[in-house]
PDB file of N, CA and C in Angstrom:
ATOM      1  N   MET A   1     -49.529   9.879  33.666  1.00  0.00           N
ATOM      2  CA  MET A   1     -47.891   9.017  34.209  1.00  0.00           C
ATOM      3  C   MET A   1     -47.248   9.811  34.673  1.00  0.00           C
ATOM      4  N   ALA A   2     -46.928   8.562  35.736  1.00  0.00           N
ATOM      5  CA  ALA A   2     -45.424   8.754  36.648  1.00  0.00           C
ATOM      6  C   ALA A   2     -44.620   8.447  36.204  1.00  0.00           C
ATOM      7  N   TYR A   3     -43.095   8.760  35.988  1.00  0.00           N
ATOM      8  CA  TYR A   3     -41.957   8.386  35.524  1.00  0.00           C
ATOM      9  C   TYR A   3     -41.322   8.165  37.144  1.00  0.00           C
ATOM     10  N   THR A   4     -40.666   7.256  37.111  1.00  0.00           N
ATOM     11  CA  THR A   4     -39.707   6.391  38.332  1.00  0.00           C
ATOM     12  C   THR A   4     -38.360   7.786  38.237  1.00  0.00           C
ATOM     13  N   ASP A   5     -37.827   7.785  39.504  1.00  0.00           N
ATOM     14  CA  ASP A   5     -36.755   8.313  39.716  1.00  0.00           C
ATOM     15  C   ASP A   5     -35.863   7.648  38.126  1.00  0.00           C
ATOM     16  N   GLU A   6     -35.293   6.384  38.323  1.00  0.00           N
ATOM     17  CA  GLU A   6     -34.335   6.096  37.081  1.00  0.00           C
ATOM     18  C   GLU A   6     -34.944   6.243  36.005  1.00  0.00           C
ATOM     19  N   GLU A   7     -36.330   6.624  35.565  1.00  0.00           N
ATOM     20  CA  GLU A   7     -36.508   7.150  33.947  1.00  0.00           C
ATOM     21  C   GLU A   7     -36.092   8.592  34.197  1.00  0.00           C
ATOM     22  N   LYS A   8     -36.353   9.622  35.008  1.00  0.00           N
ATOM     23  CA  LYS A   8     -36.361  10.706  35.187  1.00  0.00           C
ATOM     24  C   LYS A   8     -34.745  11.078  34.507  1.00  0.00           C
ATOM     25  N   ARG A   9     -33.755  10.479  35.897  1.00  0.00           N
ATOM     26  CA  ARG A   9     -32.434  10.713  35.850  1.00  0.00           C
ATOM     27  C   ARG A   9     -32.015  10.261  34.034  1.00  0.00           C
ATOM     28  N   ASP A  10     -32.674   9.701  33.504  1.00  0.00           N
ATOM     29  CA  ASP A  10     -31.857   8.732  32.441  1.00  0.00           C
ATOM     30  C   ASP A  10     -32.215   9.495  30.927  1.00  0.00           C
ATOM     31  N   VAL A  11     -33.514  10.147  31.278  1.00  0.00           N
ATOM     32  CA  VAL A  11     -34.028  11.473  30.539  1.00  0.00           C
ATOM     33  C   VAL A  11     -33.437  12.393  30.436  1.00  0.00           C
ATOM     34  N   LEU A  12     -33.159  13.342  31.706  1.00  0.00           N
ATOM     35  CA  LEU A  12     -31.959  14.093  31.762  1.00  0.00           C
ATOM     36  C   LEU A  12     -30.212  14.046  31.550  1.00  0.00           C
ATOM     37  N   ARG A  13     -30.211  12.817  31.665  1.00  0.00           N
ATOM     38  CA  ARG A  13     -28.648  12.913  31.277  1.00  0.00           C
ATOM     39  C   ARG A  13     -28.274  12.392  29.910  1.00  0.00           C
ATOM     40  N   ALA A  14     -29.769  12.393  28.920  1.00  0.00           N
ATOM     41  CA  ALA A  14     -29.887  11.872  27.450  1.00  0.00           C
ATOM     42  C   ALA A  14     -29.918  13.355  27.263  1.00  0.00           C
ATOM     43  N   VAL A  15     -30.290  14.099  27.487  1.00  0.00           N
ATOM     44  CA  VAL A  15     -30.291  15.580  27.327  1.00  0.00           C
ATOM     45  C   VAL A  15     -29.773  16.247  27.208  1.00  0.00           C
ATOM     46  N   ALA A  16     -28.951  16.305  28.446  1.00  0.00           N
ATOM     47  CA  ALA A  16     -27.658  16.567  29.000  1.00  0.00           C
ATOM     48  C   ALA A  16     -26.274  16.313  27.711  1.00  0.00           C
ATOM     49  N   ALA A  17     -26.524  15.472  27.245  1.00  0.00           N
ATOM     50  CA  ALA A  17     -25.349  14.508  26.465  1.00  0.00           C
ATOM     51  C   ALA A  17     -25.867  14.871  25.321  1.00  0.00           C
ATOM     52  N   ASP A  18     -27.065  15.437  24.837  1.00  0.00           N
ATOM     53  CA  ASP A  18     -27.114  15.647  23.737  1.00  0.00           C
ATOM     54  C   ASP A  18     -27.017  17.344  23.628  1.00  0.00           C
ATOM     55  N   LEU A  19     -27.016  18.137  24.704  1.00  0.00           N
ATOM     56  CA  LEU A  19     -27.116  19.416  24.666  1.00  0.00           C
ATOM     57  C   LEU A  19     -24.965  19.415  24.421  1.00  0.00           C
ATOM     58  N   ARG A  20     -24.904  18.710  25.004  1.00  0.00           N
ATOM     59  CA  ARG A  20     -23.039  18.525  25.033  1.00  0.00           C
ATOM     60  C   ARG A  20     -22.251  18.217  23.525  1.00  0.00           C
ATOM     61  N   GLY A  21     -23.053  18.153  22.272  1.00  0.00           N
ATOM     62  CA  GLY A  21     -23.006  17.552  21.027  1.00  0.00           C
ATOM     63  C   GLY A  21     -21.653  17.908  20.228  1.00  0.00           C
ATOM     64  N   PRO A  22     -20.770  17.554  19.610  1.00  0.00           N
ATOM     65  CA  PRO A  22     -19.834  18.097  18.855  1.00  0.00           C
ATOM     66  C   PRO A  22     -19.850  19.645  19.045  1.00  0.00           C
ATOM     67  N   ASP A  23     -21.333  20.308  17.892  1.00  0.00           N
ATOM     68  CA  ASP A  23     -21.108  21.586  17.735  1.00  0.00           C
ATOM     69  C   ASP A  23     -21.382  22.536  19.664  1.00  0.00           C
ATOM     70  N   ALA A  24     -21.372  21.811  19.761  1.00  0.00           N
ATOM     71  CA  ALA A  24     -21.867  22.629  21.590  1.00  0.00           C
ATOM     72  C   ALA A  24     -21.731  23.811  21.762  1.00  0.00           C
ATOM     73  N   SER A  25     -21.838  25.022  21.848  1.00  0.00           N
ATOM     74  CA  SER A  25     -21.564  26.521  21.914  1.00  0.00           C
ATOM     75  C   SER A  25     -21.661  26.604  23.555  1.00  0.00           C
ATOM     76  N   THR A  26     -20.683  27.780  24.514  1.00  0.00           N
ATOM     77  CA  THR A  26     -20.572  27.461  25.672  1.00  0.00           C
ATOM     78  C   THR A  26     -21.932  27.540  26.617  1.00  0.00           C
ATOM     79  N   GLU A  27     -22.896  28.516  26.200  1.00  0.00           N
ATOM     80  CA  GLU A  27     -24.107  28.360  26.778  1.00  0.00           C
ATOM     81  C   GLU A  27     -24.816  26.980  26.714  1.00  0.00           C
ATOM     82  N   ALA A  28     -24.798  25.945  25.777  1.00  0.00           N
ATOM     83  CA  ALA A  28     -24.916  24.583  25.580  1.00  0.00           C
ATOM     84  C   ALA A  28     -24.085  23.809  26.438  1.00  0.00           C
ATOM     85  N   GLU A  29     -22.936  24.343  26.878  1.00  0.00           N
ATOM     86  CA  GLU A  29     -22.511  23.635  28.146  1.00  0.00           C
ATOM     87  C   GLU A  29     -23.157  23.800  29.529  1.00  0.00           C
ATOM     88  N   LYS A  30     -22.602  25.269  29.677  1.00  0.00           N
ATOM     89  CA  LYS A  30     -23.387  25.148  30.405  1.00  0.00           C
ATOM     90  C   LYS A  30     -25.156  24.567  31.498  1.00  0.00           C
ATOM     91  N   LEU A  31     -25.753  24.373  30.107  1.00  0.00           N
ATOM     92  CA  LEU A  31     -26.956  24.581  30.284  1.00  0.00           C
ATOM     93  C   LEU A  31     -26.539  22.970  30.809  1.00  0.00           C
ATOM     94  N   ALA A  32     -26.237  22.204  29.843  1.00  0.00           N
ATOM     95  CA  ALA A  32     -25.874  20.800  29.713  1.00  0.00           C
ATOM     96  C   ALA A  32     -25.307  20.268  31.244  1.00  0.00           C
ATOM     97  N   ALA A  33     -24.198  20.832  31.675  1.00  0.00           N
ATOM     98  CA  ALA A  33     -24.043  20.874  32.903  1.00  0.00           C
ATOM     99  C   ALA A  33     -24.956  20.903  34.332  1.00  0.00           C
ATOM    100  N   THR A  34     -25.885  21.703  34.205  1.00  0.00           N
ATOM    101  CA  THR A  34     -26.744  22.022  35.050  1.00  0.00           C
ATOM    102  C   THR A  34     -27.601  20.773  35.376  1.00  0.00           C
ATOM    103  N   VAL A  35     -28.828  20.573  33.656  1.00  0.00           N
ATOM    104  CA  VAL A  35     -29.151  19.836  33.842  1.00  0.00           C
ATOM    105  C   VAL A  35     -28.865  18.491  34.118  1.00  0.00           C
ATOM    106  N   MET A  36     -27.392  18.616  33.883  1.00  0.00           N
ATOM    107  CA  MET A  36     -26.377  17.127  34.912  1.00  0.00           C
ATOM    108  C   MET A  36     -26.429  16.883  36.140  1.00  0.00           C
ATOM    109  N   ARG A  37     -26.424  18.199  36.895  1.00  0.00           N
ATOM    110  CA  ARG A  37     -26.592  18.065  38.189  1.00  0.00           C
ATOM    111  C   ARG A  37     -27.766  17.642  38.427  1.00  0.00           C
ATOM    112  N   VAL A  38     -29.262  18.454  37.963  1.00  0.00           N
ATOM    113  CA  VAL A  38     -30.144  17.900  38.398  1.00  0.00           C
ATOM    114  C   VAL A  38     -30.619  16.440  38.032  1.00  0.00           C
ATOM    115  N   SER A  39     -29.785  16.212  37.306  1.00  0.00           N
ATOM    116  CA  SER A  39     -30.417  14.266  37.366  1.00  0.00           C
ATOM    117  C   SER A  39     -29.583  13.608  38.226  1.00  0.00           C
ATOM    118  N   ASP A  40     -28.621  13.896  39.078  1.00  0.00           N
ATOM    119  CA  ASP A  40     -28.118  14.030  40.048  1.00  0.00           C
ATOM    120  C   ASP A  40     -29.134  13.550  41.303  1.00  0.00           C
ATOM    121  N   CYS A  41     -30.200  14.389  41.352  1.00  0.00           N
ATOM    122  CA  CYS A  41     -31.159  14.259  41.989  1.00  0.00           C
ATOM    123  C   CYS A  41     -31.972  12.918  42.306  1.00  0.00           C
ATOM    124  N   TYR A  42     -31.819  12.739  41.328  1.00  0.00           N
ATOM    125  CA  TYR A  42     -32.400  11.467  40.866  1.00  0.00           C
ATOM    126  C   TYR A  42     -31.837  10.161  41.266  1.00  0.00           C
ATOM    127  N   ASP A  43     -30.618  10.346  41.463  1.00  0.00           N
ATOM    128  CA  ASP A  43     -29.660   8.908  41.944  1.00  0.00           C
ATOM    129  C   ASP A  43     -29.410   8.333  43.222  1.00  0.00           C
ATOM    130  N   PRO A  44     -29.815   7.330  43.469  1.00  0.00           N
ATOM    131  CA  PRO A  44     -29.629   6.960  44.799  1.00  0.00           C
ATOM    132  C   PRO A  44     -27.996   6.767  45.164  1.00  0.00           C
ATOM    133  N   GLU A  45     -27.251   6.787  44.157  1.00  0.00           N
ATOM    134  CA  GLU A  45     -25.847   6.834  44.535  1.00  0.00           C
ATOM    135  C   GLU A  45     -25.028   8.160  44.986  1.00  0.00           C
ATOM    136  N   GLU A  46     -25.809   9.294  44.677  1.00  0.00           N
ATOM    137  CA  GLU A  46     -25.495  10.920  44.453  1.00  0.00           C
ATOM    138  C   GLU A  46     -26.286  10.886  45.854  1.00  0.00           C
ATOM    139  N   ASP A  47     -25.062  12.115  46.790  1.00  0.00           N
ATOM    140  CA  ASP A  47     -25.593  12.667  48.019  1.00  0.00           C
ATOM    141  C   ASP A  47     -26.365  14.200  47.584  1.00  0.00           C
ATOM    142  N   THR A  48     -27.145  14.385  47.035  1.00  0.00           N
ATOM    143  CA  THR A  48     -27.339  15.630  45.905  1.00  0.00           C
ATOM    144  C   THR A  48     -28.769  16.481  46.808  1.00  0.00           C
ATOM    145  N   SER A  49     -28.895  17.478  46.746  1.00  0.00           N
ATOM    146  CA  SER A  49     -30.973  17.819  47.086  1.00  0.00           C
ATOM    147  C   SER A  49     -30.566  18.926  45.575  1.00  0.00           C
ATOM    148  N   PRO A  50     -31.859  19.187  45.672  1.00  0.00           N
ATOM    149  CA  PRO A  50     -32.164  20.257  44.454  1.00  0.00           C
ATOM    150  C   PRO A  50     -31.458  21.723  45.447  1.00  0.00           C
ATOM    151  N   ARG A  51     -31.005  22.307  46.838  1.00  0.00           N
ATOM    152  CA  ARG A  51     -30.351  22.907  47.163  1.00  0.00           C
ATOM    153  C   ARG A  51     -28.888  23.166  47.001  1.00  0.00           C
ATOM    154  N   ASP A  52     -28.354  21.579  47.111  1.00  0.00           N
ATOM    155  CA  ASP A  52     -26.961  21.599  46.726  1.00  0.00           C
ATOM    156  C   ASP A  52     -26.679  21.848  45.392  1.00  0.00           C
ATOM    157  N   VAL A  53     -27.545  21.406  44.410  1.00  0.00           N
ATOM    158  CA  VAL A  53     -27.534  21.767  42.813  1.00  0.00           C
ATOM    159  C   VAL A  53     -27.390  23.083  42.561  1.00  0.00           C
ATOM    160  N   TYR A  54     -28.827  23.808  43.266  1.00  0.00           N
ATOM    161  CA  TYR A  54     -28.887  25.232  43.168  1.00  0.00           C
ATOM    162  C   TYR A  54     -27.343  26.451  43.259  1.00  0.00           C
ATOM    163  N   ARG A  55     -26.928  25.604  44.522  1.00  0.00           N
ATOM    164  CA  ARG A  55     -25.495  26.442  45.589  1.00  0.00           C
ATOM    165  C   ARG A  55     -24.643  26.298  44.271  1.00  0.00           C
ATOM    166  N   ASN A  56     -24.734  25.018  43.407  1.00  0.00           N
ATOM    167  CA  ASN A  56     -22.928  24.745  43.276  1.00  0.00           C
ATOM    168  C   ASN A  56     -23.166  25.476  41.809  1.00  0.00           C
ATOM    169  N   MET A  57     -24.695  25.283  40.733  1.00  0.00           N
ATOM    170  CA  MET A  57     -24.576  26.199  39.690  1.00  0.00           C
ATOM    171  C   MET A  57     -24.126  27.255  39.334  1.00  0.00           C
ATOM    172  N   ARG A  58     -24.726  28.161  40.615  1.00  0.00           N
ATOM    173  CA  ARG A  58     -24.376  29.556  41.186  1.00  0.00           C
ATOM    174  C   ARG A  58     -23.258  29.740  41.313  1.00  0.00           C
ATOM    175  N   THR A  59     -22.641  29.077  41.642  1.00  0.00           N
ATOM    176  CA  THR A  59     -20.982  28.920  42.340  1.00  0.00           C
ATOM    177  C   THR A  59     -20.705  29.187  40.729  1.00  0.00           C
ATOM    178  N   ILE A  60     -21.036  28.274  40.317  1.00  0.00           N
ATOM    179  CA  ILE A  60     -20.501  27.645  38.562  1.00  0.00           C
ATOM    180  C   ILE A  60     -20.677  29.038  37.878  1.00  0.00           C
ATOM    181  N   MET A  61     -21.729  29.827  38.172  1.00  0.00           N
ATOM    182  CA  MET A  61     -22.402  30.857  36.924  1.00  0.00           C
ATOM    183  C   MET A  61     -21.308  31.928  37.215  1.00  0.00           C
ATOM    184  N   GLU A  62     -21.587  32.546  38.938  1.00  0.00           N
ATOM    185  CA  GLU A  62     -20.375  33.207  39.232  1.00  0.00           C
ATOM    186  C   GLU A  62     -18.975  33.433  38.662  1.00  0.00           C
ATOM    187  N   ILE A  63     -18.202  32.623  38.917  1.00  0.00           N
ATOM    188  CA  ILE A  63     -17.100  32.166  38.412  1.00  0.00           C
ATOM    189  C   ILE A  63     -17.003  32.899  36.585  1.00  0.00           C
ATOM    190  N   ALA A  64     -17.560  31.951  36.068  1.00  0.00           N
ATOM    191  CA  ALA A  64     -18.194  32.174  34.531  1.00  0.00           C
ATOM    192  C   ALA A  64     -18.078  33.824  34.376  1.00  0.00           C
ATOM    193  N   GLU A  65     -18.888  34.328  35.057  1.00  0.00           N
ATOM    194  CA  GLU A  65     -18.936  35.574  35.078  1.00  0.00           C
ATOM    195  C   GLU A  65     -17.798  36.476  35.254  1.00  0.00           C
ATOM    196  N   ARG A  66     -17.113  36.068  36.158  1.00  0.00           N
ATOM    197  CA  ARG A  66     -15.624  36.995  36.325  1.00  0.00           C
ATOM    198  C   ARG A  66     -14.894  36.134  35.348  1.00  0.00           C
ATOM    199  N   GLY A  67     -15.059  35.528  34.461  1.00  0.00           N
ATOM    200  CA  GLY A  67     -13.653  35.495  33.643  1.00  0.00           C
ATOM    201  C   GLY A  67     -13.177  34.102  33.738  1.00  0.00           C
ATOM    202  N   GLY A  68     -13.328  33.061  34.702  1.00  0.00           N
ATOM    203  CA  GLY A  68     -12.883  31.929  35.319  1.00  0.00           C
ATOM    204  C   GLY A  68     -12.227  32.258  36.554  1.00  0.00           C
ATOM    205  N   ARG A  69     -11.757  31.330  37.434  1.00  0.00           N
ATOM    206  CA  ARG A  69     -11.074  31.050  38.609  1.00  0.00           C
ATOM    207  C   ARG A  69     -10.433  31.745  38.565  1.00  0.00           C
ATOM    208  N   ASP A  70      -9.377  32.147  37.762  1.00  0.00           N
ATOM    209  CA  ASP A  70      -7.729  32.788  38.116  1.00  0.00           C
ATOM    210  C   ASP A  70      -7.787  33.995  37.092  1.00  0.00           C
ATOM    211  N   PRO A  71      -9.390  35.192  37.480  1.00  0.00           N
ATOM    212  CA  PRO A  71      -9.041  36.353  36.316  1.00  0.00           C
ATOM    213  C   PRO A  71      -7.908  37.304  37.107  1.00  0.00           C
TER     214      PRO A  71
END
């Protein structure tokens, strides 16, 4: 069964919301942000590509490793 882009987007965003639950760890928050960014690839109102998502998430992870924007 093939899923529509809308169905893929909705499922990914629901997963991201679940990951961000009330007791979410820092790792869960990072994963939720990644899943949410991936869902943007399936949103016709978003101008993004898998490459954009990769670059964005790589930058976020690098900043997190350094301890934030202003270490």
